[in-house]
Amino acid sequence: MGLTDPAVIEEAYAAYVAAAARLAALDYSGLPIKTLLALQSRRETLK
């Protein structure tokens, strides 16, 4: 299976959606500002 295989692409997108849902469900309210800013920086630089 290559990187252009539709099944591989679908599986990757399903994993991406699941990861995004998991991240959205997390409670960030107890984290210190420094950690929140570091996480925001990581999110903004994802490619």
PDB file of N, CA and C in Angstrom:
ATOM      1  N   MET A   1       0.839  -1.188   0.000  1.00  0.00           N
ATOM      2  CA  MET A   1       0.000   0.000   0.000  1.00  0.00           C
ATOM      3  C   MET A   1       0.882   1.250   0.000  1.00  0.00           C
ATOM      4  N   GLY A   2       0.648   2.095  -0.962  1.00  0.00           N
ATOM      5  CA  GLY A   2       1.406   3.329  -1.039  1.00  0.00           C
ATOM      6  C   GLY A   2       0.677   4.481  -0.376  1.00  0.00           C
ATOM      7  N   LEU A   3       1.326   5.612  -0.377  1.00  0.00           N
ATOM      8  CA  LEU A   3       0.735   6.791   0.247  1.00  0.00           C
ATOM      9  C   LEU A   3      -0.412   7.370  -0.555  1.00  0.00           C
ATOM     10  N   THR A   4      -0.640   6.868  -1.761  1.00  0.00           N
ATOM     11  CA  THR A   4      -1.779   7.336  -2.554  1.00  0.00           C
ATOM     12  C   THR A   4      -2.943   6.357  -2.517  1.00  0.00           C
ATOM     13  N   ASP A   5      -2.784   5.284  -1.774  1.00  0.00           N
ATOM     14  CA  ASP A   5      -3.848   4.288  -1.643  1.00  0.00           C
ATOM     15  C   ASP A   5      -5.032   4.923  -0.910  1.00  0.00           C
ATOM     16  N   PRO A   6      -6.221   4.912  -1.513  1.00  0.00           N
ATOM     17  CA  PRO A   6      -7.385   5.527  -0.867  1.00  0.00           C
ATOM     18  C   PRO A   6      -7.655   4.994   0.541  1.00  0.00           C
ATOM     19  N   ALA A   7      -7.425   3.722   0.769  1.00  0.00           N
ATOM     20  CA  ALA A   7      -7.659   3.147   2.097  1.00  0.00           C
ATOM     21  C   ALA A   7      -6.689   3.731   3.122  1.00  0.00           C
ATOM     22  N   VAL A   8      -5.446   3.933   2.715  1.00  0.00           N
ATOM     23  CA  VAL A   8      -4.440   4.512   3.610  1.00  0.00           C
ATOM     24  C   VAL A   8      -4.805   5.955   3.935  1.00  0.00           C
ATOM     25  N   ILE A   9      -5.240   6.689   2.921  1.00  0.00           N
ATOM     26  CA  ILE A   9      -5.639   8.083   3.118  1.00  0.00           C
ATOM     27  C   ILE A   9      -6.846   8.163   4.053  1.00  0.00           C
ATOM     28  N   GLU A  10      -7.837   7.315   3.833  1.00  0.00           N
ATOM     29  CA  GLU A  10      -9.030   7.306   4.686  1.00  0.00           C
ATOM     30  C   GLU A  10      -8.667   6.965   6.124  1.00  0.00           C
ATOM     31  N   GLU A  11      -7.789   5.998   6.308  1.00  0.00           N
ATOM     32  CA  GLU A  11      -7.351   5.610   7.651  1.00  0.00           C
ATOM     33  C   GLU A  11      -6.627   6.770   8.341  1.00  0.00           C
ATOM     34  N   ALA A  12      -5.789   7.472   7.602  1.00  0.00           N
ATOM     35  CA  ALA A  12      -5.055   8.609   8.171  1.00  0.00           C
ATOM     36  C   ALA A  12      -6.015   9.719   8.593  1.00  0.00           C
ATOM     37  N   TYR A  13      -7.007  10.009   7.764  1.00  0.00           N
ATOM     38  CA  TYR A  13      -7.983  11.044   8.117  1.00  0.00           C
ATOM     39  C   TYR A  13      -8.835  10.626   9.308  1.00  0.00           C
ATOM     40  N   ALA A  14      -9.179   9.362   9.398  1.00  0.00           N
ATOM     41  CA  ALA A  14      -9.947   8.874  10.548  1.00  0.00           C
ATOM     42  C   ALA A  14      -9.135   9.043  11.832  1.00  0.00           C
ATOM     43  N   ALA A  15      -7.851   8.743  11.767  1.00  0.00           N
ATOM     44  CA  ALA A  15      -6.980   8.915  12.931  1.00  0.00           C
ATOM     45  C   ALA A  15      -6.852  10.390  13.293  1.00  0.00           C
ATOM     46  N   TYR A  16      -6.778  11.246  12.278  1.00  0.00           N
ATOM     47  CA  TYR A  16      -6.680  12.697  12.492  1.00  0.00           C
ATOM     48  C   TYR A  16      -7.935  13.229  13.188  1.00  0.00           C
ATOM     49  N   VAL A  17      -9.099  12.800  12.733  1.00  0.00           N
ATOM     50  CA  VAL A  17     -10.366  13.228  13.339  1.00  0.00           C
ATOM     51  C   VAL A  17     -10.450  12.740  14.784  1.00  0.00           C
ATOM     52  N   ALA A  18     -10.047  11.504  15.021  1.00  0.00           N
ATOM     53  CA  ALA A  18     -10.085  10.954  16.376  1.00  0.00           C
ATOM     54  C   ALA A  18      -9.138  11.716  17.302  1.00  0.00           C
ATOM     55  N   ALA A  19      -7.952  12.039  16.811  1.00  0.00           N
ATOM     56  CA  ALA A  19      -6.991  12.788  17.621  1.00  0.00           C
ATOM     57  C   ALA A  19      -7.509  14.193  17.915  1.00  0.00           C
ATOM     58  N   ALA A  20      -8.107  14.838  16.927  1.00  0.00           N
ATOM     59  CA  ALA A  20      -8.654  16.183  17.125  1.00  0.00           C
ATOM     60  C   ALA A  20      -9.780  16.160  18.160  1.00  0.00           C
ATOM     61  N   ALA A  21     -10.614  15.141  18.111  1.00  0.00           N
ATOM     62  CA  ALA A  21     -11.703  15.016  19.085  1.00  0.00           C
ATOM     63  C   ALA A  21     -11.148  14.795  20.487  1.00  0.00           C
ATOM     64  N   ARG A  22     -10.114  13.992  20.588  1.00  0.00           N
ATOM     65  CA  ARG A  22      -9.498  13.741  21.899  1.00  0.00           C
ATOM     66  C   ARG A  22      -8.895  15.028  22.459  1.00  0.00           C
ATOM     67  N   LEU A  23      -8.212  15.788  21.618  1.00  0.00           N
ATOM     68  CA  LEU A  23      -7.626  17.051  22.062  1.00  0.00           C
ATOM     69  C   LEU A  23      -8.700  18.044  22.496  1.00  0.00           C
ATOM     70  N   ALA A  24      -9.788  18.090  21.766  1.00  0.00           N
ATOM     71  CA  ALA A  24     -10.874  19.021  22.080  1.00  0.00           C
ATOM     72  C   ALA A  24     -11.563  18.657  23.394  1.00  0.00           C
ATOM     73  N   ALA A  25     -11.530  17.391  23.768  1.00  0.00           N
ATOM     74  CA  ALA A  25     -12.206  16.938  24.982  1.00  0.00           C
ATOM     75  C   ALA A  25     -11.370  17.131  26.247  1.00  0.00           C
ATOM     76  N   LEU A  26     -10.113  17.497  26.094  1.00  0.00           N
ATOM     77  CA  LEU A  26      -9.242  17.665  27.254  1.00  0.00           C
ATOM     78  C   LEU A  26      -9.597  18.927  28.031  1.00  0.00           C
ATOM     79  N   ASP A  27      -9.347  18.886  29.328  1.00  0.00           N
ATOM     80  CA  ASP A  27      -9.574  20.046  30.196  1.00  0.00           C
ATOM     81  C   ASP A  27      -8.230  20.740  30.430  1.00  0.00           C
ATOM     82  N   TYR A  28      -8.069  21.888  29.832  1.00  0.00           N
ATOM     83  CA  TYR A  28      -6.822  22.637  29.924  1.00  0.00           C
ATOM     84  C   TYR A  28      -6.833  23.645  31.073  1.00  0.00           C
ATOM     85  N   SER A  29      -7.935  23.744  31.800  1.00  0.00           N
ATOM     86  CA  SER A  29      -8.119  24.811  32.788  1.00  0.00           C
ATOM     87  C   SER A  29      -7.125  24.764  33.948  1.00  0.00           C
ATOM     88  N   GLY A  30      -6.568  23.618  34.244  1.00  0.00           N
ATOM     89  CA  GLY A  30      -5.637  23.516  35.365  1.00  0.00           C
ATOM     90  C   GLY A  30      -4.181  23.709  34.991  1.00  0.00           C
ATOM     91  N   LEU A  31      -3.919  23.950  33.723  1.00  0.00           N
ATOM     92  CA  LEU A  31      -2.533  24.093  33.284  1.00  0.00           C
ATOM     93  C   LEU A  31      -2.033  25.516  33.491  1.00  0.00           C
ATOM     94  N   PRO A  32      -0.750  25.645  33.823  1.00  0.00           N
ATOM     95  CA  PRO A  32      -0.190  26.986  33.976  1.00  0.00           C
ATOM     96  C   PRO A  32      -0.080  27.697  32.618  1.00  0.00           C
ATOM     97  N   ILE A  33      -0.046  29.013  32.665  1.00  0.00           N
ATOM     98  CA  ILE A  33       0.012  29.820  31.442  1.00  0.00           C
ATOM     99  C   ILE A  33       1.190  29.411  30.561  1.00  0.00           C
ATOM    100  N   LYS A  34       2.349  29.172  31.152  1.00  0.00           N
ATOM    101  CA  LYS A  34       3.538  28.791  30.375  1.00  0.00           C
ATOM    102  C   LYS A  34       3.265  27.536  29.546  1.00  0.00           C
ATOM    103  N   THR A  35       2.624  26.559  30.135  1.00  0.00           N
ATOM    104  CA  THR A  35       2.294  25.319  29.434  1.00  0.00           C
ATOM    105  C   THR A  35       1.262  25.564  28.346  1.00  0.00           C
ATOM    106  N   LEU A  36       0.253  26.368  28.654  1.00  0.00           N
ATOM    107  CA  LEU A  36      -0.773  26.691  27.652  1.00  0.00           C
ATOM    108  C   LEU A  36      -0.161  27.379  26.437  1.00  0.00           C
ATOM    109  N   LEU A  37       0.752  28.308  26.676  1.00  0.00           N
ATOM    110  CA  LEU A  37       1.406  29.004  25.569  1.00  0.00           C
ATOM    111  C   LEU A  37       2.277  28.054  24.751  1.00  0.00           C
ATOM    112  N   ALA A  38       2.952  27.135  25.416  1.00  0.00           N
ATOM    113  CA  ALA A  38       3.770  26.152  24.704  1.00  0.00           C
ATOM    114  C   ALA A  38       2.892  25.247  23.842  1.00  0.00           C
ATOM    115  N   LEU A  39       1.755  24.829  24.370  1.00  0.00           N
ATOM    116  CA  LEU A  39       0.833  23.998  23.592  1.00  0.00           C
ATOM    117  C   LEU A  39       0.264  24.767  22.406  1.00  0.00           C
ATOM    118  N   GLN A  40      -0.063  26.035  22.629  1.00  0.00           N
ATOM    119  CA  GLN A  40      -0.577  26.865  21.539  1.00  0.00           C
ATOM    120  C   GLN A  40       0.470  27.003  20.439  1.00  0.00           C
ATOM    121  N   SER A  41       1.710  27.199  20.816  1.00  0.00           N
ATOM    122  CA  SER A  41       2.785  27.315  19.840  1.00  0.00           C
ATOM    123  C   SER A  41       2.931  26.025  19.038  1.00  0.00           C
ATOM    124  N   ARG A  42       2.873  24.896  19.715  1.00  0.00           N
ATOM    125  CA  ARG A  42       2.954  23.604  19.014  1.00  0.00           C
ATOM    126  C   ARG A  42       1.810  23.444  18.029  1.00  0.00           C
ATOM    127  N   ARG A  43       0.603  23.808  18.454  1.00  0.00           N
ATOM    128  CA  ARG A  43      -0.572  23.677  17.592  1.00  0.00           C
ATOM    129  C   ARG A  43      -0.440  24.561  16.353  1.00  0.00           C
ATOM    130  N   GLU A  44       0.062  25.771  16.537  1.00  0.00           N
ATOM    131  CA  GLU A  44       0.175  26.708  15.424  1.00  0.00           C
ATOM    132  C   GLU A  44       1.250  26.314  14.420  1.00  0.00           C
ATOM    133  N   THR A  45       2.212  25.507  14.842  1.00  0.00           N
ATOM    134  CA  THR A  45       3.294  25.129  13.935  1.00  0.00           C
ATOM    135  C   THR A  45       3.133  23.728  13.351  1.00  0.00           C
ATOM    136  N   LEU A  46       2.037  23.050  13.655  1.00  0.00           N
ATOM    137  CA  LEU A  46       1.793  21.727  13.068  1.00  0.00           C
ATOM    138  C   LEU A  46       1.644  21.843  11.558  1.00  0.00           C
ATOM    139  N   LYS A  47       2.219  20.910  10.869  1.00  0.00           N
ATOM    140  CA  LYS A  47       2.109  20.904   9.406  1.00  0.00           C
ATOM    141  C   LYS A  47       1.587  19.581   8.946  1.00  0.00           C
TER     142      LYS A  47
END
